[in-house]
Amino acid sequence: MSGLRERKKAKTRAAIQEHALRLFRDQGYAETTVQEIAAAAEVSPATFFRYFPTKEDTIVFDRLDPLMIELFRGQPAGLHPTEALRAAIRQSLDVLSEDEWALESQRQRLVMSVPELRARMLDQLYSGIDLLAELAAERTGRSADDFAVRAWAGAVVGVVMATYQFLALDAPLAEYLKTMDQAFDELAKLSLEPHAT
């Protein structure tokens, strides 16, 4: 039963985010109110705030993150963290329809174009380094505080940020994946070997 409840919550969260993105596109981020988003998603403002504490959160929330984490952990044990992450990102993007990719591209463009969203995303990037360091530590047997692990995690965040500009070009998903692969080829040159036991 809890699985059904979680799926329903995820569906409601996704619907709110999708309606928010469409409204932001049609009438502008600053001009769109929480009440308008809630009405479009057919939920009350109170329900909106249960899912998103602020309007900004409808943009900075990345619903692909939990899937990507699960896919990363499911990669073969001997795979280098860079290659495990590359595979996880590719697999998580493979499930997107063209409409979902268009919404994701729009979300990223909004983040880059609205100053208050860029500031919020910077906070999330620091959290992303912590999360990636933990994932790499699990895979390599190193500590998440190991400098090499944290440097790798920071480099991953840099790769992701470097591809944001490409998203702004409204590129097809296949082109974005090609660019991401090129960036990961560069990242793969950084060594992060398993800790000797």
N, C-alpha and C. Protein backbone atom coordinates (compact mmCIF):
# COMPACT_ATOMS: atom_id res chain seq x y z
N MET A 1 0.83 -1.21 0.00
CA MET A 1 0.00 0.00 0.00
C MET A 1 0.86 1.26 0.00
N SER A 2 1.99 1.21 0.75
CA SER A 2 2.84 2.39 0.80
C SER A 2 3.44 2.70 -0.57
N GLY A 3 3.71 1.63 -1.38
CA GLY A 3 4.23 1.85 -2.73
C GLY A 3 3.23 2.60 -3.59
N LEU A 4 1.96 2.25 -3.46
CA LEU A 4 0.90 2.94 -4.21
C LEU A 4 0.81 4.40 -3.76
N ARG A 5 0.89 4.63 -2.47
CA ARG A 5 0.82 5.99 -1.92
C ARG A 5 1.99 6.83 -2.44
N GLU A 6 3.18 6.23 -2.46
CA GLU A 6 4.36 6.96 -2.94
C GLU A 6 4.24 7.28 -4.43
N ARG A 7 3.70 6.33 -5.21
CA ARG A 7 3.51 6.59 -6.64
C ARG A 7 2.50 7.70 -6.87
N LYS A 8 1.44 7.71 -6.07
CA LYS A 8 0.43 8.77 -6.20
C LYS A 8 1.03 10.13 -5.85
N LYS A 9 1.85 10.16 -4.80
CA LYS A 9 2.50 11.43 -4.42
C LYS A 9 3.46 11.90 -5.51
N ALA A 10 4.21 10.96 -6.08
CA ALA A 10 5.14 11.32 -7.16
C ALA A 10 4.38 11.85 -8.37
N LYS A 11 3.24 11.25 -8.67
CA LYS A 11 2.43 11.69 -9.80
C LYS A 11 1.88 13.10 -9.56
N THR A 12 1.41 13.36 -8.33
CA THR A 12 0.90 14.70 -8.00
C THR A 12 2.02 15.73 -8.08
N ARG A 13 3.19 15.39 -7.53
CA ARG A 13 4.33 16.32 -7.57
C ARG A 13 4.71 16.63 -9.01
N ALA A 14 4.76 15.59 -9.85
CA ALA A 14 5.12 15.79 -11.27
C ALA A 14 4.09 16.65 -11.97
N ALA A 15 2.80 16.44 -11.67
CA ALA A 15 1.74 17.24 -12.32
C ALA A 15 1.85 18.70 -11.92
N ILE A 16 2.09 18.96 -10.65
CA ILE A 16 2.24 20.35 -10.20
C ILE A 16 3.42 21.00 -10.92
N GLN A 17 4.55 20.28 -10.99
CA GLN A 17 5.73 20.84 -11.64
C GLN A 17 5.48 21.10 -13.12
N GLU A 18 4.82 20.16 -13.79
CA GLU A 18 4.56 20.33 -15.22
C GLU A 18 3.66 21.54 -15.48
N HIS A 19 2.62 21.71 -14.68
CA HIS A 19 1.73 22.87 -14.86
C HIS A 19 2.48 24.17 -14.54
N ALA A 20 3.32 24.13 -13.52
CA ALA A 20 4.11 25.32 -13.20
C ALA A 20 5.01 25.70 -14.37
N LEU A 21 5.70 24.73 -14.94
CA LEU A 21 6.59 25.01 -16.06
C LEU A 21 5.83 25.58 -17.26
N ARG A 22 4.66 25.04 -17.54
CA ARG A 22 3.88 25.55 -18.66
C ARG A 22 3.42 26.99 -18.41
N LEU A 23 2.99 27.26 -17.19
CA LEU A 23 2.57 28.63 -16.86
C LEU A 23 3.74 29.59 -16.93
N PHE A 24 4.90 29.17 -16.42
CA PHE A 24 6.08 30.04 -16.48
C PHE A 24 6.44 30.34 -17.93
N ARG A 25 6.34 29.34 -18.79
CA ARG A 25 6.63 29.55 -20.21
C ARG A 25 5.64 30.51 -20.84
N ASP A 26 4.35 30.33 -20.53
CA ASP A 26 3.30 31.10 -21.20
C ASP A 26 3.18 32.53 -20.68
N GLN A 27 3.40 32.74 -19.38
CA GLN A 27 3.16 34.09 -18.84
C GLN A 27 4.32 34.66 -18.03
N GLY A 28 5.42 33.90 -17.91
CA GLY A 28 6.58 34.39 -17.19
C GLY A 28 6.65 33.87 -15.76
N TYR A 29 7.87 33.69 -15.28
CA TYR A 29 8.07 33.15 -13.93
C TYR A 29 7.53 34.12 -12.87
N ALA A 30 7.96 35.37 -12.94
CA ALA A 30 7.57 36.34 -11.91
C ALA A 30 6.08 36.61 -11.91
N GLU A 31 5.46 36.51 -13.09
CA GLU A 31 4.04 36.84 -13.21
C GLU A 31 3.11 35.70 -12.78
N THR A 32 3.65 34.52 -12.59
CA THR A 32 2.83 33.35 -12.25
C THR A 32 2.76 33.19 -10.72
N THR A 33 1.57 32.99 -10.20
CA THR A 33 1.38 32.84 -8.76
C THR A 33 1.19 31.37 -8.39
N VAL A 34 1.42 31.09 -7.12
CA VAL A 34 1.18 29.74 -6.59
C VAL A 34 -0.28 29.36 -6.79
N GLN A 35 -1.19 30.32 -6.57
CA GLN A 35 -2.61 30.04 -6.73
C GLN A 35 -2.94 29.60 -8.16
N GLU A 36 -2.31 30.23 -9.15
CA GLU A 36 -2.53 29.85 -10.55
C GLU A 36 -1.99 28.45 -10.83
N ILE A 37 -0.84 28.15 -10.27
CA ILE A 37 -0.26 26.81 -10.47
C ILE A 37 -1.17 25.75 -9.84
N ALA A 38 -1.60 26.01 -8.61
CA ALA A 38 -2.48 25.05 -7.92
C ALA A 38 -3.77 24.83 -8.71
N ALA A 39 -4.35 25.92 -9.21
CA ALA A 39 -5.60 25.80 -9.97
C ALA A 39 -5.38 24.98 -11.24
N ALA A 40 -4.27 25.23 -11.94
CA ALA A 40 -3.99 24.49 -13.17
C ALA A 40 -3.79 23.01 -12.90
N ALA A 41 -3.15 22.69 -11.75
CA ALA A 41 -2.89 21.30 -11.39
C ALA A 41 -4.09 20.65 -10.69
N GLU A 42 -5.15 21.45 -10.46
CA GLU A 42 -6.37 20.98 -9.80
C GLU A 42 -6.09 20.47 -8.39
N VAL A 43 -5.27 21.25 -7.66
CA VAL A 43 -5.02 20.99 -6.24
C VAL A 43 -5.22 22.29 -5.49
N SER A 44 -5.39 22.19 -4.19
CA SER A 44 -5.53 23.41 -3.38
C SER A 44 -4.15 24.02 -3.15
N PRO A 45 -4.10 25.33 -2.83
CA PRO A 45 -2.80 25.92 -2.47
C PRO A 45 -2.15 25.19 -1.30
N ALA A 46 -2.94 24.71 -0.35
CA ALA A 46 -2.37 23.97 0.79
C ALA A 46 -1.68 22.69 0.31
N THR A 47 -2.29 22.01 -0.67
CA THR A 47 -1.67 20.81 -1.23
C THR A 47 -0.39 21.17 -1.97
N PHE A 48 -0.43 22.28 -2.73
CA PHE A 48 0.79 22.75 -3.40
C PHE A 48 1.93 22.86 -2.40
N PHE A 49 1.67 23.51 -1.26
CA PHE A 49 2.74 23.76 -0.28
C PHE A 49 3.18 22.48 0.44
N ARG A 50 2.36 21.44 0.42
CA ARG A 50 2.82 20.16 0.97
C ARG A 50 3.89 19.54 0.08
N TYR A 51 3.81 19.82 -1.21
CA TYR A 51 4.76 19.25 -2.16
C TYR A 51 5.94 20.18 -2.44
N PHE A 52 5.68 21.47 -2.47
CA PHE A 52 6.71 22.45 -2.80
C PHE A 52 6.60 23.62 -1.81
N PRO A 53 7.59 23.79 -0.93
CA PRO A 53 7.52 24.88 0.06
C PRO A 53 7.43 26.28 -0.55
N THR A 54 8.00 26.45 -1.76
CA THR A 54 7.97 27.75 -2.43
C THR A 54 7.76 27.55 -3.92
N LYS A 55 7.45 28.63 -4.61
CA LYS A 55 7.33 28.58 -6.07
C LYS A 55 8.66 28.17 -6.70
N GLU A 56 9.76 28.66 -6.15
CA GLU A 56 11.08 28.32 -6.67
C GLU A 56 11.32 26.81 -6.68
N ASP A 57 10.79 26.13 -5.66
CA ASP A 57 11.02 24.70 -5.54
C ASP A 57 10.41 23.91 -6.69
N THR A 58 9.40 24.46 -7.36
CA THR A 58 8.83 23.74 -8.51
C THR A 58 9.84 23.66 -9.64
N ILE A 59 10.80 24.57 -9.65
CA ILE A 59 11.82 24.58 -10.70
C ILE A 59 13.06 23.81 -10.28
N VAL A 60 13.55 24.02 -9.07
CA VAL A 60 14.82 23.40 -8.68
C VAL A 60 14.67 21.92 -8.36
N PHE A 61 13.45 21.45 -8.10
CA PHE A 61 13.25 20.02 -7.85
C PHE A 61 13.51 19.23 -9.14
N ASP A 62 14.40 18.25 -9.05
CA ASP A 62 14.73 17.41 -10.18
C ASP A 62 14.19 16.01 -9.93
N ARG A 63 13.09 15.69 -10.59
CA ARG A 63 12.44 14.40 -10.32
C ARG A 63 13.23 13.22 -10.87
N LEU A 64 14.26 13.47 -11.68
CA LEU A 64 15.09 12.38 -12.18
C LEU A 64 16.15 11.94 -11.17
N ASP A 65 16.44 12.77 -10.17
CA ASP A 65 17.50 12.44 -9.21
C ASP A 65 17.30 11.10 -8.50
N PRO A 66 16.12 10.83 -7.91
CA PRO A 66 15.97 9.55 -7.22
C PRO A 66 16.16 8.35 -8.15
N LEU A 67 15.67 8.46 -9.39
CA LEU A 67 15.85 7.39 -10.36
C LEU A 67 17.32 7.21 -10.69
N MET A 68 18.03 8.32 -10.91
CA MET A 68 19.44 8.26 -11.24
C MET A 68 20.24 7.62 -10.11
N ILE A 69 19.91 7.95 -8.86
CA ILE A 69 20.62 7.36 -7.71
C ILE A 69 20.40 5.85 -7.67
N GLU A 70 19.15 5.44 -7.86
CA GLU A 70 18.83 4.01 -7.86
C GLU A 70 19.57 3.28 -8.99
N LEU A 71 19.60 3.89 -10.17
CA LEU A 71 20.29 3.28 -11.30
C LEU A 71 21.80 3.22 -11.07
N PHE A 72 22.37 4.27 -10.46
CA PHE A 72 23.80 4.28 -10.15
C PHE A 72 24.14 3.11 -9.23
N ARG A 73 23.35 2.95 -8.19
CA ARG A 73 23.61 1.87 -7.23
C ARG A 73 23.43 0.49 -7.86
N GLY A 74 22.65 0.41 -8.93
CA GLY A 74 22.41 -0.86 -9.60
C GLY A 74 23.42 -1.22 -10.67
N GLN A 75 24.40 -0.35 -10.92
CA GLN A 75 25.41 -0.65 -11.94
C GLN A 75 26.35 -1.75 -11.44
N PRO A 76 26.97 -2.50 -12.36
CA PRO A 76 27.89 -3.58 -11.95
C PRO A 76 28.97 -3.08 -10.99
N ALA A 77 29.30 -3.91 -10.01
CA ALA A 77 30.19 -3.50 -8.92
C ALA A 77 31.56 -3.05 -9.41
N GLY A 78 32.09 -3.66 -10.45
CA GLY A 78 33.43 -3.33 -10.91
C GLY A 78 33.52 -2.07 -11.76
N LEU A 79 32.39 -1.48 -12.06
CA LEU A 79 32.38 -0.31 -12.94
C LEU A 79 32.90 0.92 -12.20
N HIS A 80 33.81 1.65 -12.84
CA HIS A 80 34.35 2.89 -12.27
C HIS A 80 33.19 3.85 -11.99
N PRO A 81 33.26 4.66 -10.92
CA PRO A 81 32.16 5.60 -10.62
C PRO A 81 31.76 6.48 -11.80
N THR A 82 32.74 6.92 -12.59
CA THR A 82 32.41 7.77 -13.74
C THR A 82 31.55 7.02 -14.75
N GLU A 83 31.93 5.78 -15.04
CA GLU A 83 31.16 5.00 -16.01
C GLU A 83 29.82 4.56 -15.44
N ALA A 84 29.78 4.29 -14.13
CA ALA A 84 28.50 3.95 -13.49
C ALA A 84 27.54 5.13 -13.56
N LEU A 85 28.07 6.33 -13.34
CA LEU A 85 27.23 7.53 -13.39
C LEU A 85 26.79 7.83 -14.81
N ARG A 86 27.70 7.69 -15.77
CA ARG A 86 27.35 7.91 -17.17
C ARG A 86 26.20 6.98 -17.57
N ALA A 87 26.30 5.71 -17.20
CA ALA A 87 25.25 4.74 -17.54
C ALA A 87 23.94 5.09 -16.85
N ALA A 88 24.03 5.49 -15.58
CA ALA A 88 22.81 5.82 -14.82
C ALA A 88 22.11 7.04 -15.41
N ILE A 89 22.88 8.06 -15.78
CA ILE A 89 22.27 9.26 -16.37
C ILE A 89 21.62 8.91 -17.70
N ARG A 90 22.34 8.15 -18.52
CA ARG A 90 21.79 7.77 -19.83
C ARG A 90 20.50 6.97 -19.65
N GLN A 91 20.50 6.01 -18.73
CA GLN A 91 19.31 5.19 -18.50
C GLN A 91 18.15 6.02 -17.96
N SER A 92 18.46 6.99 -17.09
CA SER A 92 17.37 7.81 -16.54
C SER A 92 16.77 8.72 -17.61
N LEU A 93 17.59 9.18 -18.55
CA LEU A 93 17.09 10.03 -19.63
C LEU A 93 16.38 9.22 -20.71
N ASP A 94 16.75 7.95 -20.83
CA ASP A 94 16.12 7.09 -21.85
C ASP A 94 14.63 6.90 -21.61
N VAL A 95 14.17 7.08 -20.38
CA VAL A 95 12.75 6.86 -20.08
C VAL A 95 11.90 8.09 -20.39
N LEU A 96 12.53 9.21 -20.75
CA LEU A 96 11.78 10.43 -21.00
C LEU A 96 11.15 10.43 -22.39
N SER A 97 9.91 10.88 -22.45
CA SER A 97 9.27 11.11 -23.75
C SER A 97 9.78 12.45 -24.30
N GLU A 98 9.45 12.74 -25.54
CA GLU A 98 9.87 14.03 -26.12
C GLU A 98 9.26 15.20 -25.34
N ASP A 99 8.01 15.05 -24.90
CA ASP A 99 7.37 16.12 -24.12
C ASP A 99 8.06 16.31 -22.78
N GLU A 100 8.42 15.20 -22.14
CA GLU A 100 9.11 15.29 -20.84
C GLU A 100 10.49 15.91 -21.01
N TRP A 101 11.18 15.58 -22.11
CA TRP A 101 12.49 16.18 -22.37
C TRP A 101 12.33 17.69 -22.60
N ALA A 102 11.28 18.08 -23.33
CA ALA A 102 11.04 19.50 -23.57
C ALA A 102 10.81 20.23 -22.25
N LEU A 103 10.07 19.61 -21.33
CA LEU A 103 9.84 20.23 -20.01
C LEU A 103 11.14 20.32 -19.21
N GLU A 104 11.95 19.26 -19.28
CA GLU A 104 13.22 19.28 -18.55
C GLU A 104 14.14 20.36 -19.10
N SER A 105 14.19 20.49 -20.41
CA SER A 105 15.00 21.54 -21.03
C SER A 105 14.51 22.92 -20.59
N GLN A 106 13.19 23.07 -20.57
CA GLN A 106 12.61 24.34 -20.14
C GLN A 106 12.97 24.64 -18.69
N ARG A 107 12.91 23.61 -17.84
CA ARG A 107 13.25 23.78 -16.42
C ARG A 107 14.69 24.28 -16.28
N GLN A 108 15.60 23.67 -17.02
CA GLN A 108 17.00 24.07 -16.93
C GLN A 108 17.22 25.48 -17.45
N ARG A 109 16.51 25.85 -18.53
CA ARG A 109 16.65 27.21 -19.06
C ARG A 109 16.15 28.23 -18.05
N LEU A 110 15.05 27.92 -17.37
CA LEU A 110 14.53 28.83 -16.34
C LEU A 110 15.54 29.01 -15.22
N VAL A 111 16.14 27.90 -14.79
CA VAL A 111 17.13 27.97 -13.71
C VAL A 111 18.26 28.92 -14.10
N MET A 112 18.70 28.83 -15.35
CA MET A 112 19.83 29.64 -15.78
C MET A 112 19.45 31.10 -16.05
N SER A 113 18.17 31.38 -16.29
CA SER A 113 17.79 32.74 -16.68
C SER A 113 17.18 33.58 -15.56
N VAL A 114 16.75 32.96 -14.47
CA VAL A 114 16.11 33.70 -13.37
C VAL A 114 17.10 33.77 -12.20
N PRO A 115 17.55 34.99 -11.82
CA PRO A 115 18.61 35.11 -10.81
C PRO A 115 18.33 34.37 -9.50
N GLU A 116 17.10 34.46 -8.96
CA GLU A 116 16.84 33.80 -7.69
C GLU A 116 16.87 32.27 -7.82
N LEU A 117 16.56 31.76 -9.01
CA LEU A 117 16.64 30.32 -9.23
C LEU A 117 18.10 29.87 -9.35
N ARG A 118 18.94 30.68 -9.99
CA ARG A 118 20.36 30.36 -10.08
C ARG A 118 20.97 30.28 -8.68
N ALA A 119 20.57 31.20 -7.81
CA ALA A 119 21.09 31.19 -6.44
C ALA A 119 20.67 29.92 -5.70
N ARG A 120 19.42 29.51 -5.87
CA ARG A 120 18.93 28.28 -5.24
C ARG A 120 19.65 27.06 -5.81
N MET A 121 19.88 27.07 -7.12
CA MET A 121 20.55 25.94 -7.74
C MET A 121 21.98 25.80 -7.24
N LEU A 122 22.63 26.91 -6.95
CA LEU A 122 23.98 26.85 -6.41
C LEU A 122 23.99 26.09 -5.09
N ASP A 123 23.01 26.36 -4.23
CA ASP A 123 22.89 25.61 -2.98
C ASP A 123 22.72 24.12 -3.26
N GLN A 124 21.91 23.79 -4.25
CA GLN A 124 21.67 22.39 -4.57
C GLN A 124 22.92 21.72 -5.14
N LEU A 125 23.73 22.47 -5.85
CA LEU A 125 24.95 21.90 -6.40
C LEU A 125 25.91 21.47 -5.28
N TYR A 126 25.98 22.27 -4.22
CA TYR A 126 26.81 21.88 -3.07
C TYR A 126 26.27 20.60 -2.44
N SER A 127 24.96 20.49 -2.32
CA SER A 127 24.35 19.26 -1.80
C SER A 127 24.63 18.10 -2.74
N GLY A 128 24.63 18.39 -4.04
CA GLY A 128 24.93 17.36 -5.03
C GLY A 128 26.33 16.80 -4.88
N ILE A 129 27.29 17.64 -4.55
CA ILE A 129 28.65 17.17 -4.32
C ILE A 129 28.66 16.19 -3.15
N ASP A 130 27.96 16.52 -2.07
CA ASP A 130 27.88 15.61 -0.92
C ASP A 130 27.28 14.27 -1.32
N LEU A 131 26.17 14.32 -2.07
CA LEU A 131 25.49 13.09 -2.47
C LEU A 131 26.38 12.25 -3.38
N LEU A 132 27.00 12.87 -4.37
CA LEU A 132 27.87 12.14 -5.29
C LEU A 132 29.07 11.54 -4.56
N ALA A 133 29.62 12.27 -3.59
CA ALA A 133 30.74 11.75 -2.81
C ALA A 133 30.32 10.50 -2.03
N GLU A 134 29.11 10.52 -1.48
CA GLU A 134 28.61 9.35 -0.76
C GLU A 134 28.44 8.16 -1.71
N LEU A 135 27.89 8.41 -2.90
CA LEU A 135 27.70 7.34 -3.87
C LEU A 135 29.04 6.76 -4.33
N ALA A 136 30.01 7.63 -4.59
CA ALA A 136 31.33 7.16 -5.02
C ALA A 136 32.02 6.41 -3.89
N ALA A 137 31.82 6.86 -2.65
CA ALA A 137 32.42 6.18 -1.50
C ALA A 137 31.86 4.76 -1.38
N GLU A 138 30.57 4.61 -1.58
CA GLU A 138 29.96 3.27 -1.54
C GLU A 138 30.60 2.35 -2.57
N ARG A 139 30.85 2.89 -3.75
CA ARG A 139 31.35 2.08 -4.86
C ARG A 139 32.83 1.76 -4.73
N THR A 140 33.61 2.66 -4.13
CA THR A 140 35.07 2.49 -4.10
C THR A 140 35.61 2.01 -2.76
N GLY A 141 34.79 2.04 -1.72
CA GLY A 141 35.29 1.67 -0.41
C GLY A 141 36.10 2.77 0.26
N ARG A 142 36.13 3.94 -0.34
CA ARG A 142 36.80 5.09 0.26
C ARG A 142 35.82 5.83 1.16
N SER A 143 36.33 6.80 1.90
CA SER A 143 35.47 7.66 2.71
C SER A 143 34.88 8.76 1.82
N ALA A 144 33.65 9.17 2.14
CA ALA A 144 33.04 10.28 1.41
C ALA A 144 33.81 11.58 1.64
N ASP A 145 34.61 11.64 2.71
CA ASP A 145 35.43 12.82 3.01
C ASP A 145 36.81 12.77 2.36
N ASP A 146 37.15 11.65 1.74
CA ASP A 146 38.41 11.51 1.03
C ASP A 146 38.50 12.62 -0.01
N PHE A 147 39.63 13.33 -0.06
CA PHE A 147 39.75 14.46 -0.96
C PHE A 147 39.55 14.06 -2.42
N ALA A 148 40.11 12.89 -2.81
CA ALA A 148 39.96 12.45 -4.20
C ALA A 148 38.49 12.19 -4.53
N VAL A 149 37.74 11.66 -3.58
CA VAL A 149 36.32 11.40 -3.79
C VAL A 149 35.56 12.71 -3.96
N ARG A 150 35.85 13.68 -3.09
CA ARG A 150 35.16 14.97 -3.17
C ARG A 150 35.56 15.74 -4.43
N ALA A 151 36.82 15.62 -4.82
CA ALA A 151 37.26 16.28 -6.06
C ALA A 151 36.54 15.68 -7.26
N TRP A 152 36.38 14.35 -7.26
CA TRP A 152 35.64 13.69 -8.34
C TRP A 152 34.20 14.19 -8.37
N ALA A 153 33.57 14.26 -7.20
CA ALA A 153 32.17 14.71 -7.12
C ALA A 153 32.05 16.15 -7.63
N GLY A 154 33.01 17.00 -7.26
CA GLY A 154 32.99 18.38 -7.75
C GLY A 154 33.17 18.44 -9.25
N ALA A 155 34.02 17.56 -9.80
CA ALA A 155 34.21 17.52 -11.24
C ALA A 155 32.93 17.08 -11.95
N VAL A 156 32.21 16.13 -11.36
CA VAL A 156 30.94 15.69 -11.95
C VAL A 156 29.97 16.87 -12.01
N VAL A 157 29.87 17.61 -10.92
CA VAL A 157 28.98 18.77 -10.90
C VAL A 157 29.40 19.77 -11.97
N GLY A 158 30.71 19.95 -12.15
CA GLY A 158 31.21 20.84 -13.20
C GLY A 158 30.79 20.37 -14.58
N VAL A 159 30.86 19.06 -14.82
CA VAL A 159 30.44 18.50 -16.11
C VAL A 159 28.96 18.78 -16.34
N VAL A 160 28.16 18.56 -15.31
CA VAL A 160 26.71 18.80 -15.44
C VAL A 160 26.45 20.28 -15.73
N MET A 161 27.13 21.16 -15.01
CA MET A 161 26.95 22.59 -15.25
C MET A 161 27.39 22.98 -16.66
N ALA A 162 28.45 22.36 -17.14
CA ALA A 162 28.95 22.68 -18.48
C ALA A 162 27.94 22.31 -19.56
N THR A 163 27.11 21.32 -19.29
CA THR A 163 26.13 20.91 -20.28
C THR A 163 24.85 21.74 -20.20
N TYR A 164 24.65 22.52 -19.12
CA TYR A 164 23.45 23.36 -19.01
C TYR A 164 23.35 24.33 -20.17
N GLN A 165 24.50 24.88 -20.58
CA GLN A 165 24.49 25.85 -21.67
C GLN A 165 23.94 25.19 -22.94
N PHE A 166 24.29 23.92 -23.13
CA PHE A 166 23.80 23.20 -24.30
C PHE A 166 22.28 23.05 -24.24
N LEU A 167 21.75 22.85 -23.03
CA LEU A 167 20.31 22.74 -22.88
C LEU A 167 19.61 24.02 -23.34
N ALA A 168 20.25 25.14 -23.12
CA ALA A 168 19.64 26.42 -23.49
C ALA A 168 19.42 26.54 -24.99
N LEU A 169 20.09 25.69 -25.76
CA LEU A 169 19.93 25.72 -27.21
C LEU A 169 18.70 24.94 -27.66
N ASP A 170 17.97 24.38 -26.71
CA ASP A 170 16.76 23.61 -27.02
C ASP A 170 17.10 22.44 -27.93
N ALA A 171 18.18 21.74 -27.59
CA ALA A 171 18.66 20.64 -28.42
C ALA A 171 17.82 19.39 -28.22
N PRO A 172 17.74 18.55 -29.26
CA PRO A 172 17.07 17.25 -29.10
C PRO A 172 17.83 16.41 -28.06
N LEU A 173 17.12 15.47 -27.45
CA LEU A 173 17.72 14.63 -26.42
C LEU A 173 18.95 13.89 -26.94
N ALA A 174 18.90 13.38 -28.18
CA ALA A 174 20.03 12.64 -28.73
C ALA A 174 21.29 13.51 -28.79
N GLU A 175 21.12 14.79 -29.14
CA GLU A 175 22.26 15.70 -29.20
C GLU A 175 22.79 16.00 -27.80
N TYR A 176 21.88 16.14 -26.84
CA TYR A 176 22.31 16.38 -25.46
C TYR A 176 23.10 15.18 -24.94
N LEU A 177 22.62 13.97 -25.22
CA LEU A 177 23.33 12.78 -24.76
C LEU A 177 24.72 12.69 -25.38
N LYS A 178 24.84 13.09 -26.64
CA LYS A 178 26.15 13.09 -27.30
C LYS A 178 27.10 14.06 -26.59
N THR A 179 26.60 15.25 -26.26
CA THR A 179 27.41 16.22 -25.55
C THR A 179 27.78 15.72 -24.16
N MET A 180 26.81 15.11 -23.47
CA MET A 180 27.08 14.57 -22.14
C MET A 180 28.15 13.48 -22.22
N ASP A 181 28.09 12.63 -23.24
CA ASP A 181 29.11 11.59 -23.40
C ASP A 181 30.50 12.20 -23.60
N GLN A 182 30.58 13.27 -24.39
CA GLN A 182 31.87 13.93 -24.59
C GLN A 182 32.41 14.47 -23.27
N ALA A 183 31.52 15.06 -22.48
CA ALA A 183 31.93 15.59 -21.18
C ALA A 183 32.39 14.47 -20.26
N PHE A 184 31.69 13.34 -20.29
CA PHE A 184 32.08 12.21 -19.45
C PHE A 184 33.37 11.57 -19.93
N ASP A 185 33.66 11.64 -21.22
CA ASP A 185 34.96 11.17 -21.70
C ASP A 185 36.08 11.95 -21.03
N GLU A 186 35.88 13.26 -20.88
CA GLU A 186 36.88 14.09 -20.20
C GLU A 186 36.96 13.73 -18.72
N LEU A 187 35.80 13.53 -18.11
CA LEU A 187 35.76 13.19 -16.69
C LEU A 187 36.43 11.84 -16.42
N ALA A 188 36.28 10.91 -17.35
CA ALA A 188 36.85 9.57 -17.17
C ALA A 188 38.37 9.60 -17.08
N LYS A 189 38.98 10.68 -17.53
CA LYS A 189 40.43 10.79 -17.46
C LYS A 189 40.91 11.03 -16.03
N LEU A 190 39.96 11.40 -15.13
CA LEU A 190 40.31 11.57 -13.72
C LEU A 190 40.28 10.21 -13.05
N SER A 191 41.31 9.90 -12.31
CA SER A 191 41.40 8.59 -11.68
C SER A 191 40.72 8.60 -10.31
N LEU A 192 39.91 7.61 -10.06
CA LEU A 192 39.32 7.42 -8.73
C LEU A 192 39.24 5.91 -8.51
N GLU A 193 40.35 5.34 -8.15
CA GLU A 193 40.42 3.88 -8.01
C GLU A 193 39.86 3.44 -6.67
N PRO A 194 39.38 2.18 -6.62
CA PRO A 194 38.91 1.66 -5.33
C PRO A 194 40.03 1.69 -4.29
N HIS A 195 39.65 1.92 -3.07
CA HIS A 195 40.62 1.97 -1.97
C HIS A 195 41.16 0.57 -1.73
N ALA A 196 42.46 0.47 -1.58
CA ALA A 196 43.06 -0.83 -1.31
C ALA A 196 42.59 -1.35 0.04
N THR A 197 42.23 -2.63 0.08
CA THR A 197 41.77 -3.22 1.35
C THR A 197 42.77 -4.18 1.90
